[in-house]
Protein backbone atom coordinates (compact mmCIF):
# COMPACT_ATOMS: atom_id res chain seq x y z
CA MET A 1 -12.97 9.02 15.32
CA PRO A 2 -15.06 10.80 13.55
CA GLY A 3 -17.48 9.29 11.34
CA LEU A 4 -15.72 7.83 8.63
CA SER A 5 -17.23 7.15 4.54
CA TRP A 6 -15.58 5.97 1.92
CA PRO A 7 -16.94 7.80 -1.18
CA ASN A 8 -19.17 5.43 -3.03
CA ILE A 9 -17.78 6.82 -6.46
CA LEU A 10 -15.32 4.69 -6.77
CA ASP A 11 -18.02 2.23 -7.20
CA LYS A 12 -18.88 3.66 -10.03
CA VAL A 13 -16.15 3.78 -12.41
CA GLU A 14 -16.34 2.04 -15.14
CA ASP A 15 -13.53 -0.92 -15.64
CA SER A 16 -10.74 0.83 -16.76
CA THR A 17 -6.96 1.44 -14.49
CA PRO A 18 -6.27 4.96 -14.90
CA ARG A 19 -10.08 6.31 -14.54
CA ILE A 20 -9.83 3.90 -11.30
CA ASN A 21 -6.99 4.52 -9.63
CA GLU A 22 -8.01 9.11 -10.51
CA ASN A 23 -11.11 8.65 -8.17
CA LYS A 24 -9.15 6.12 -6.00
CA VAL A 25 -7.18 8.95 -5.29
CA LYS A 26 -9.81 11.39 -5.14
CA ALA A 27 -11.64 9.25 -1.99
CA LEU A 28 -9.04 8.98 -0.48
CA LEU A 29 -8.05 13.12 0.10
CA ASP A 30 -11.84 12.66 0.82
CA LEU A 31 -11.50 10.77 3.64
CA LEU A 32 -8.70 12.84 5.13
CA ASN A 33 -10.21 16.06 4.61
CA LEU A 34 -13.42 14.27 6.18
CA TYR A 35 -11.11 13.79 8.84
CA PHE A 36 -8.81 16.49 9.25
CA GLY A 37 -11.02 18.72 9.10
CA PHE A 38 -10.59 20.17 5.47
CA ASN A 39 -6.99 21.78 6.17
CA LEU A 40 -4.44 19.33 4.59
CA GLN A 41 -1.47 22.07 4.80
CA GLY A 42 0.73 21.15 6.76
CA ARG A 43 -0.43 18.00 7.72
CA ALA A 44 2.88 15.30 7.60
CA VAL A 45 1.03 11.63 5.23
CA LEU A 46 3.81 8.70 4.57
CA ASP A 47 2.37 6.77 1.83
CA ILE A 48 4.11 3.80 2.56
CA GLY A 49 4.74 2.07 -0.62
CA CYS A 50 4.38 4.47 -3.23
CA ARG A 51 4.42 2.81 -6.44
CA THR A 52 4.40 6.00 -9.62
CA GLY A 53 3.48 8.85 -6.49
CA LYS A 54 0.02 8.82 -7.67
CA TYR A 55 -1.04 9.92 -3.96
CA VAL A 56 2.47 11.63 -3.12
CA LEU A 57 1.80 14.78 -5.30
CA GLU A 58 -1.89 14.79 -5.32
CA LEU A 59 -1.37 15.56 -1.66
CA ALA A 60 1.29 17.73 -2.15
CA LYS A 61 -0.48 19.94 -4.11
CA LYS A 62 -2.87 20.24 -1.31
CA GLY A 63 -0.03 21.65 1.29
CA ALA A 64 0.50 18.38 3.06
CA ASN A 65 4.26 17.60 3.96
CA VAL A 66 4.37 14.10 2.13
CA VAL A 67 7.17 10.93 3.02
CA GLY A 68 6.99 8.30 0.03
CA VAL A 69 8.81 5.29 0.50
CA GLU A 70 8.62 2.65 -2.42
CA GLN A 71 10.84 -0.74 -2.68
CA GLU A 72 11.75 0.05 -6.16
CA PHE A 73 13.88 3.22 -7.13
CA ASP A 74 13.08 2.91 -10.56
CA PHE A 75 9.41 4.14 -9.53
CA LEU A 76 10.96 6.59 -7.47
CA GLU A 77 13.03 8.31 -10.50
CA SER A 78 9.68 8.42 -11.75
CA ILE A 79 8.00 10.08 -9.02
CA VAL A 80 11.05 13.38 -9.13
CA ALA A 81 10.39 13.45 -13.14
CA LYS A 82 6.64 14.46 -11.94
CA GLN A 83 7.62 16.79 -9.43
CA VAL A 84 10.10 18.47 -11.43
CA ARG A 85 7.44 19.28 -13.65
CA GLU A 86 4.68 20.07 -11.69
CA ARG A 87 6.59 21.86 -9.46
CA ILE A 88 6.58 19.77 -6.34
CA SER A 89 7.70 19.15 -2.86
CA ALA A 90 8.08 15.93 -1.57
CA LYS A 91 10.32 13.25 0.92
CA LEU A 92 11.30 10.31 -0.89
CA ILE A 93 12.91 6.94 0.54
CA CYS A 94 13.93 3.79 -1.31
CA ASP A 95 13.08 0.77 1.54
CA ALA A 96 13.29 -2.53 0.97
CA THR A 97 11.75 -3.53 4.11
CA GLY A 98 9.70 -0.63 5.42
CA ASP A 99 10.62 -0.23 8.57
CA ASN A 100 14.17 1.77 8.25
CA LEU A 101 12.16 5.40 8.97
CA ASN A 102 13.70 6.31 12.42
CA LYS A 103 14.96 9.24 10.83
CA LEU A 104 11.07 10.63 10.39
CA SER A 105 8.94 13.44 12.46
CA LYS A 106 5.56 12.21 13.15
CA MET A 107 3.15 11.49 11.39
CA ASP A 108 -0.83 12.56 11.51
CA ALA A 109 -1.29 10.09 8.91
CA ILE A 110 0.34 6.96 7.53
CA ILE A 111 -1.06 5.93 4.62
CA CYS A 112 -0.71 2.09 2.44
CA MET A 113 -2.34 1.68 -0.21
CA ASP A 114 -3.46 -0.77 -3.26
CA ASP A 115 -1.40 -3.44 -2.70
CA SER A 116 1.71 -2.35 -0.96
CA PHE A 117 0.96 -4.33 2.83
CA SER A 118 0.40 -7.26 0.93
CA ARG A 119 3.91 -6.76 -1.15
CA TYR A 120 6.02 -5.48 2.37
CA ALA A 121 4.20 -7.72 5.16
CA LEU A 122 5.46 -11.21 3.21
CA ASN A 123 4.38 -12.71 6.96
CA LYS A 124 2.90 -11.89 9.77
CA PHE A 125 5.67 -11.67 11.96
CA LYS A 126 6.31 -8.89 8.94
CA GLY A 127 3.77 -7.50 9.28
CA GLU A 128 3.02 -7.08 13.05
CA MET A 129 6.36 -5.52 12.72
CA LEU A 130 5.60 -2.77 10.16
CA LEU A 131 2.04 -1.51 12.19
CA THR A 132 4.08 -1.98 15.76
CA LYS A 133 6.98 0.40 14.02
CA TRP A 134 4.25 2.27 12.05
CA LEU A 135 2.18 3.13 14.99
CA GLU A 136 5.81 4.69 17.00
CA ILE A 137 5.90 7.18 14.51
CA LEU A 138 2.46 8.24 14.05
CA LYS A 139 0.64 11.02 16.05
CA LEU A 140 -1.28 10.43 18.91
CA ASP A 141 -5.23 11.11 17.17
CA GLY A 142 -3.42 9.79 13.64
CA ILE A 143 -5.12 7.22 11.23
CA ILE A 144 -2.75 4.83 9.24
CA VAL A 145 -5.49 3.53 6.39
CA ILE A 146 -5.08 0.62 5.00
CA GLU A 147 -6.12 -0.92 1.64
CA ILE A 148 -7.34 -4.24 1.33
CA PRO A 149 -7.58 -5.23 -2.01
CA LYS A 150 -9.71 -8.23 -2.57
CA GLU A 151 -8.19 -9.10 -6.05
CA PHE A 152 -4.93 -9.25 -6.88
CA THR A 153 -4.26 -8.36 -10.59
CA VAL A 154 -2.75 -10.83 -12.62
CA GLY A 155 1.26 -11.55 -12.94
CA ARG A 156 2.06 -11.35 -9.49
CA VAL A 157 2.99 -14.32 -6.43
CA ILE A 158 0.46 -14.85 -3.76
CA ASP A 159 1.02 -16.66 -0.51
CA SER A 160 -1.88 -18.27 0.20
CA GLY A 161 -0.53 -19.35 3.96
CA GLU A 162 2.76 -18.68 5.27
CA ASP A 163 5.00 -20.30 3.31
CA GLU A 164 3.20 -21.66 0.49
CA PHE A 165 2.31 -19.75 -2.74
CA LYS A 166 -0.53 -19.84 -5.69
CA ILE A 167 1.17 -18.55 -8.81
CA SER A 168 -1.75 -16.69 -11.22
CA PHE A 169 0.36 -15.28 -14.37
CA GLU A 170 -1.19 -15.65 -18.14
CA GLU A 171 0.55 -16.28 -21.41
CA GLU A 172 3.49 -18.52 -21.69
CA GLN A 173 3.63 -21.30 -19.47
CA VAL A 174 7.27 -22.39 -17.54
CA SER A 175 8.99 -25.04 -14.58
CA HIS A 176 9.75 -23.23 -11.94
CA THR A 177 13.13 -24.83 -12.70
CA ASP A 178 13.21 -22.99 -16.12
CA SER A 179 16.69 -20.77 -16.03
CA ILE A 180 14.62 -17.72 -17.02
CA PHE A 181 12.36 -18.21 -13.73
CA LYS A 182 15.40 -19.18 -11.55
CA LYS A 183 17.13 -15.55 -13.01
CA THR A 184 13.76 -13.97 -12.26
CA ILE A 185 12.70 -15.06 -8.43
CA SER A 186 15.44 -16.51 -5.48
CA ILE A 187 12.52 -17.99 -3.48
CA ASP A 188 10.96 -21.95 -3.60
CA PHE A 189 7.78 -22.27 -4.47
CA ARG A 190 6.14 -25.21 -3.31
CA THR A 191 4.64 -26.35 -6.80
CA ASP A 192 5.49 -27.32 -10.09
CA GLU A 193 4.99 -25.26 -12.41
CA ALA A 194 3.35 -21.24 -13.26
CA MET A 195 2.33 -18.88 -15.68
CA PHE A 196 4.82 -16.31 -17.37
CA ASN A 197 3.90 -12.47 -18.39
CA SER A 198 6.50 -10.69 -16.80
CA LYS A 199 10.03 -9.48 -16.28
CA ARG A 200 9.67 -9.02 -12.90
CA ILE A 201 7.68 -11.36 -10.66
CA GLU A 202 7.12 -10.22 -7.45
CA LYS A 203 6.22 -12.60 -3.87
CA TYR A 204 3.19 -11.29 -1.81
CA ARG A 205 1.40 -11.88 0.73
CA LYS A 206 -2.29 -12.62 0.54
CA TRP A 207 -3.55 -10.43 3.38
CA SER A 208 -7.56 -10.50 5.11
CA VAL A 209 -8.90 -7.76 6.65
CA ASP A 210 -9.41 -9.66 9.98
CA GLU A 211 -5.72 -10.41 10.36
CA VAL A 212 -5.35 -6.96 9.74
CA THR A 213 -7.25 -5.59 12.25
CA GLU A 214 -6.51 -8.49 14.33
CA ILE A 215 -2.86 -7.15 14.91
CA LEU A 216 -4.22 -3.59 15.14
CA LYS A 217 -6.36 -4.96 18.04
CA LEU A 218 -3.11 -7.28 19.57
CA LEU A 219 -1.14 -3.27 19.31
CA GLY A 220 -4.28 -1.77 21.49
CA VAL A 221 -5.80 -0.28 19.04
CA ASN A 222 -9.47 0.30 19.38
CA GLN A 223 -10.68 2.02 16.77
CA LEU A 224 -10.93 1.09 13.56
CA GLN A 225 -13.46 0.93 11.25
CA VAL A 226 -12.87 -1.47 7.74
CA ILE A 227 -14.69 0.01 4.57
CA ASN A 228 -15.88 -1.19 1.80
CA SER A 229 -15.82 -1.10 -1.79
CA ARG A 230 -16.71 -2.55 -5.02
CA SER A 231 -12.64 -3.83 -5.53
CA SER A 232 -11.14 -3.22 -2.27
CA CYS A 233 -11.68 -3.00 1.12
CA PHE A 234 -9.52 -0.11 3.65
CA VAL A 235 -8.57 -0.96 7.75
CA VAL A 236 -8.19 3.27 8.87
CA ALA A 237 -6.99 2.64 12.46
CA LYS A 238 -7.12 5.92 14.61
CA ASN A 239 -3.92 6.21 17.31
CA ASN A 240 -5.45 6.92 21.06
């Protein structure tokens, strides 16, 4: 694998979400440019959990053939509006599982940024299944970039183990047996109360870098690099 280094700009920006997002996009582009010899034109890139499309749109602007996958249709609609406005082309797939990718052609790169891996891989078995599928559609010498946040933002359900959930919310405190809470989420919790600040509560599993790299090694990937920033770690894996 070529020498890779995550730019230091993430550690130099202020703690403001727009600036961090903007610089993280630039950092990813820099990383892919380093790997692909500063030529993203025509490269096939899959963005798993693309949310509002910040990576999809920027990669498409650089000439990459981008496919964005997202669980929530509302996010994809917002990307379509941006595509029309900015005259950018990218394929979008609404997929709740992250593994319905059989009809896709081989990819040069697969990215799973922000907390998307935790949204899709809700347990270790699912994580292994996803990574197996992604490696199957990744070209030889292609790369996977997975971001592992060091901290989760407020307003999400975090799995601290296989079955036990830590719930971290702010503002109004409600019981998990409360009707509003039951309508919001349909999973069982081993906790008596939660703090609620959103109409939609999401279930996550908190992954560690070691867990992700361990699965990749078991799947035969032996060229791995972990790149640290202030807020996240990035696992970069080459399909050898």
